[in-house]
Each structure stands twice: as structure tokens, then as C-alpha cells.
Protein backbone atom coordinates (compact mmCIF):
# COMPACT_ATOMS: atom_id res chain seq x y z
CA MET A 1 34.71 -54.04 30.71
CA GLY A 2 37.52 -56.08 29.22
CA ARG A 3 38.66 -53.51 26.67
CA GLU A 4 42.10 -51.95 26.90
CA LEU A 5 42.35 -48.22 26.23
CA ILE A 6 45.49 -47.26 24.30
CA PHE A 7 46.90 -43.82 25.13
CA GLY A 8 47.94 -42.18 21.88
CA GLY A 9 45.70 -44.63 20.03
CA ILE A 10 43.46 -43.48 17.19
CA TYR A 11 39.77 -44.27 17.68
CA ARG A 12 36.90 -43.97 15.23
CA HIS A 13 33.52 -42.82 16.54
CA PHE A 14 30.66 -44.77 15.01
CA LYS A 15 29.63 -41.57 13.18
CA ASN A 16 32.92 -41.78 11.25
CA ARG A 17 35.13 -39.15 12.92
CA LEU A 18 38.64 -39.88 14.20
CA TYR A 19 40.00 -39.03 17.65
CA MET A 20 43.21 -39.60 19.59
CA VAL A 21 42.99 -40.80 23.20
CA LYS A 22 45.22 -38.58 25.34
CA ASP A 23 44.64 -39.79 28.92
CA VAL A 24 42.20 -41.01 31.54
CA VAL A 25 41.52 -38.25 34.08
CA THR A 26 39.53 -38.09 37.32
CA HIS A 27 36.58 -35.76 37.87
CA SER A 28 37.57 -33.59 40.84
CA GLU A 29 34.11 -33.64 42.45
CA THR A 30 32.79 -37.14 41.79
CA GLY A 31 35.97 -39.18 41.34
CA GLU A 32 34.55 -40.52 38.07
CA LYS A 33 37.10 -41.69 35.50
CA MET A 34 36.90 -39.70 32.26
CA VAL A 35 38.62 -40.25 28.91
CA LEU A 36 40.42 -37.18 27.57
CA TYR A 37 40.47 -37.34 23.78
CA GLN A 38 41.16 -35.00 20.89
CA ALA A 39 39.45 -34.58 17.54
CA LEU A 40 41.66 -35.18 14.51
CA TYR A 41 39.65 -32.83 12.31
CA GLY A 42 38.38 -29.26 12.31
CA ASP A 43 39.82 -27.23 15.17
CA PHE A 44 41.28 -30.34 16.89
CA ARG A 45 39.30 -29.63 20.05
CA SER A 46 39.74 -31.84 23.14
CA TYR A 47 36.82 -33.53 24.93
CA VAL A 48 36.14 -35.66 28.00
CA ARG A 49 33.62 -38.46 28.29
CA PRO A 50 32.98 -40.96 31.09
CA LEU A 51 35.21 -44.01 30.65
CA PRO A 52 32.34 -46.57 30.65
CA MET A 53 30.50 -44.55 27.99
CA PHE A 54 33.63 -44.24 25.83
CA LEU A 55 34.15 -48.02 25.97
CA SER A 56 30.45 -48.90 25.50
CA GLU A 57 28.84 -50.55 22.52
CA VAL A 58 26.70 -48.65 20.02
CA ASP A 59 23.07 -48.29 21.13
CA ARG A 60 21.36 -50.66 18.66
CA GLU A 61 17.89 -49.31 19.41
CA LYS A 62 18.87 -45.79 18.37
CA TYR A 63 21.34 -46.77 15.63
CA PRO A 64 20.31 -50.18 14.23
CA ASP A 65 22.14 -49.75 10.91
CA VAL A 66 25.61 -48.86 12.26
CA PRO A 67 28.05 -51.68 11.40
CA GLN A 68 30.58 -50.71 14.10
CA LYS A 69 30.23 -52.65 17.38
CA TYR A 70 31.64 -50.06 19.79
CA ARG A 71 30.88 -46.36 20.22
CA PHE A 72 34.64 -45.73 19.78
CA THR A 73 36.76 -48.45 18.24
CA ARG A 74 40.53 -48.40 17.80
CA VAL A 75 41.75 -48.22 14.22
CA LEU A 76 45.07 -48.86 12.51
CA LEU A 77 46.33 -46.38 9.95
CA ASP A 78 48.74 -46.79 7.06
CA GLY A 79 51.56 -44.36 6.27
CA ASP A 80 49.12 -42.10 4.41
CA GLY A 81 46.68 -41.85 7.33
CA ASN A 82 44.09 -44.22 5.81
CA ILE A 83 42.26 -46.72 8.03
CA VAL A 84 43.57 -50.21 7.29
CA GLY A 85 42.19 -52.16 10.24
CA MET A 86 39.89 -52.19 13.24
CA PRO A 87 41.45 -54.75 15.63
CA GLU A 88 38.68 -54.51 18.26
CA GLU A 89 35.83 -55.35 15.91
CA GLU A 90 34.84 -59.01 16.11
CA HIS A 91 33.12 -59.04 12.76
CA SER A 92 34.36 -57.81 9.43
CA THR A 93 33.12 -54.35 8.59
CA GLU A 94 33.51 -52.27 5.50
CA ILE A 95 35.73 -49.31 6.33
CA PRO A 96 34.04 -46.17 5.04
CA GLU A 97 35.97 -43.45 3.28
CA ALA A 98 36.97 -40.51 5.45
CA GLU A 99 34.75 -37.49 5.06
CA ASP A 100 36.06 -34.59 2.98
CA GLY A 101 38.20 -32.21 4.95
CA ILE A 102 39.16 -34.68 7.68
CA GLU A 103 42.88 -34.92 8.27
CA THR A 104 44.00 -37.87 10.35
CA ALA A 105 47.09 -38.30 12.42
CA LYS A 106 49.61 -40.77 11.05
CA SER A 107 51.37 -43.32 13.20
CA GLY A 108 55.11 -42.85 13.32
CA LYS A 109 57.00 -45.90 12.11
CA SER A 110 60.22 -45.75 14.10
CA GLY A 111 59.21 -43.54 17.00
CA GLU A 112 62.66 -41.95 16.86
CA ILE A 113 63.11 -38.20 16.91
CA GLU A 114 65.90 -36.47 15.12
CA LYS A 115 67.27 -33.76 17.42
CA THR A 116 68.02 -30.56 15.58
CA GLY A 117 68.13 -26.80 15.99
CA THR A 118 66.80 -24.14 13.64
CA ALA A 119 70.10 -23.68 11.86
CA GLY A 120 71.20 -26.27 9.35
CA SER A 121 74.73 -27.42 8.67
CA ALA A 122 77.08 -25.03 6.93
CA GLY A 123 76.19 -24.83 3.25
CA GLU A 124 72.84 -26.60 3.78
CA GLU A 125 69.86 -24.96 2.10
CA PRO A 126 67.08 -23.89 4.50
CA ASP A 127 64.00 -26.11 4.41
CA PRO A 128 61.39 -24.38 2.15
CA LEU A 129 58.61 -25.70 4.41
CA LEU A 130 60.25 -24.05 7.44
CA LEU A 131 60.67 -20.77 5.56
CA ALA A 132 57.03 -20.82 4.42
CA PHE A 133 55.90 -21.53 8.00
CA LEU A 134 57.96 -18.64 9.35
CA ASP A 135 56.61 -16.33 6.62
CA MET A 136 53.01 -16.82 7.79
CA PRO A 137 51.92 -13.44 9.23
CA GLY A 138 50.18 -14.64 12.40
CA LEU A 139 49.60 -17.62 14.68
CA LYS A 140 46.26 -18.54 13.10
CA GLU A 141 47.85 -18.55 9.66
CA LYS A 142 50.69 -20.71 10.97
CA CYS A 143 48.13 -23.20 12.34
CA GLN A 144 46.27 -23.25 9.03
CA PHE A 145 49.54 -23.81 7.18
CA LEU A 146 50.44 -26.70 9.51
CA ASN A 147 47.07 -28.36 8.92
CA LEU A 148 47.29 -27.83 5.17
CA LYS A 149 50.83 -29.23 4.86
CA ARG A 150 50.55 -31.81 7.66
CA ARG A 151 51.80 -34.78 5.66
CA ALA A 152 54.85 -32.90 4.38
CA PHE A 153 56.33 -32.19 7.84
CA SER A 154 59.19 -34.38 8.99
CA ALA A 155 60.38 -34.64 12.60
CA LYS A 156 63.32 -32.40 11.70
CA THR A 157 61.14 -29.67 10.19
CA LEU A 158 58.69 -29.83 13.09
CA ALA A 159 61.60 -29.45 15.53
CA GLN A 160 62.88 -26.44 13.61
CA CYS A 161 59.44 -24.80 13.56
CA ALA A 162 59.01 -25.46 17.28
CA ALA A 163 62.46 -24.06 18.10
CA ALA A 164 61.71 -20.92 16.09
CA MET A 165 58.51 -20.44 18.12
CA ASP A 166 60.19 -21.35 21.44
CA ILE A 167 57.97 -24.42 21.88
CA SER A 168 59.17 -27.71 23.38
CA LEU A 169 58.05 -30.87 21.61
CA PRO A 170 57.43 -34.15 23.45
CA GLU A 171 59.32 -37.36 22.88
CA GLY A 172 57.33 -39.58 20.54
CA ASP A 173 56.36 -40.01 16.94
CA VAL A 174 55.83 -37.29 14.35
CA SER A 175 52.05 -37.29 14.94
CA ALA A 176 52.44 -36.47 18.63
CA GLN A 177 54.97 -33.76 17.83
CA PHE A 178 52.72 -32.25 15.17
CA LEU A 179 49.77 -32.14 17.58
CA ALA A 180 51.91 -30.58 20.33
CA LEU A 181 53.17 -27.83 18.02
CA ARG A 182 49.76 -27.13 16.52
CA ASP A 183 48.01 -27.13 19.94
CA SER A 184 50.59 -24.74 21.39
CA LEU A 185 50.06 -22.31 18.51
CA VAL A 186 46.26 -22.57 18.82
CA MET A 187 46.48 -21.82 22.55
CA ARG A 188 48.78 -18.84 21.98
CA ALA A 189 46.45 -17.49 19.30
CA LYS A 190 43.48 -17.73 21.69
CA TYR A 191 45.36 -15.94 24.47
CA GLU A 192 46.52 -13.20 22.12
CA GLU A 193 42.96 -12.68 20.90
CA ASN A 194 41.64 -12.54 24.49
CA ASP A 195 44.31 -9.99 25.43
CA ARG A 196 43.27 -7.76 22.51
CA LEU A 197 39.62 -7.90 23.62
CA ARG A 198 40.38 -6.71 27.19
């Protein structure tokens, strides 16, 4: 197909929603290659789609007015999470504003992670963001707080929150760490809810 899929890359669907490509996986029955990708809005659900379909162009018969060439096209984000470029598009397109309520992942600039525990140095004031996170009464509330304050979290604060919840964060940028922490909390909340229903 000629297009290179970037793992960890942010892609915009032609209907104006953002997703992060996580991996290419193989269907266990058919051997078909599938793209595993995660929504960067709402409940941050993960999806799979056949690789050729993910990389395909927009169906012009069904969607003649869509300016985007590909069904999913890679986008570049600035430090505030705004789309600043679409390197795969051959023609210039106007970049629409993100829909209300959509939070996008931000690309980390240095990719370096500051290693830290939950305790600060002697005499250092505790991070108010960490304290507010820990004060949330349940896992769902912690997830909501993370989503609400997403842009305020540094690598250090994320590491402290993860350590307090006994969650390991991956190597990578702040966006990947944020998603790992949030996804772990979402999964725990689902399991706790299922256990209560049994």
C-alpha cells in the first residue's frame, strides 16, 4: 500500500475523531493483519480494524465532500494537543477545530522519564495534583480526575500516582504514561464492578 503505520502515532479519522495506533495484531483464525488503535476521547476504548481498511482512502462515492484523502491520516500535534499538520495528505486541507469534549494526547518532547517514588525530598511540599488524585473516593472518580486534569500532569506526578496505585508505567513519553495509568484504572474499575455484580 505504500503507507507506513507509526506505532504510537496519532491518526485522525475522516469524521474528525483522534486515535492512537497501538499495534498491528494477527487474527487467530484467519491470519488477517488488524490494526489495534485507541480512541483519544470519551471512554478511550480500543478497537481493531483490518490493516488494508485502516490504510485505505476515503470512499468518495459515499463521502464526496470530505477533504481528507485517507480514512485515517496521521497528524502532528503541538504542545497543547492541537493539530498542526497532516504529513500524509498530498493536498492542503483546512484543519477543523476539535469537537467539544475531545481531549487529545500530546506528544512528549524529550521522551525522557523522570524516575521518582511517591515520597518527595525532605522538606518538599507534596504535589497538590497528587493529593487531589489520591483524595478521589473511587477508581472511576480517579479516572475522571485524570481526564479532567490531563494537561496538568507531569511525568513525575504520573509516576507518583502510579506508584501509589501499584501500577507500572511504560518507558516513553508523558502521553503513553498517562494512557497506561488511565487504562489500568479503567480496567480495575470494570473488574471491581463485575465482582460486585456476582
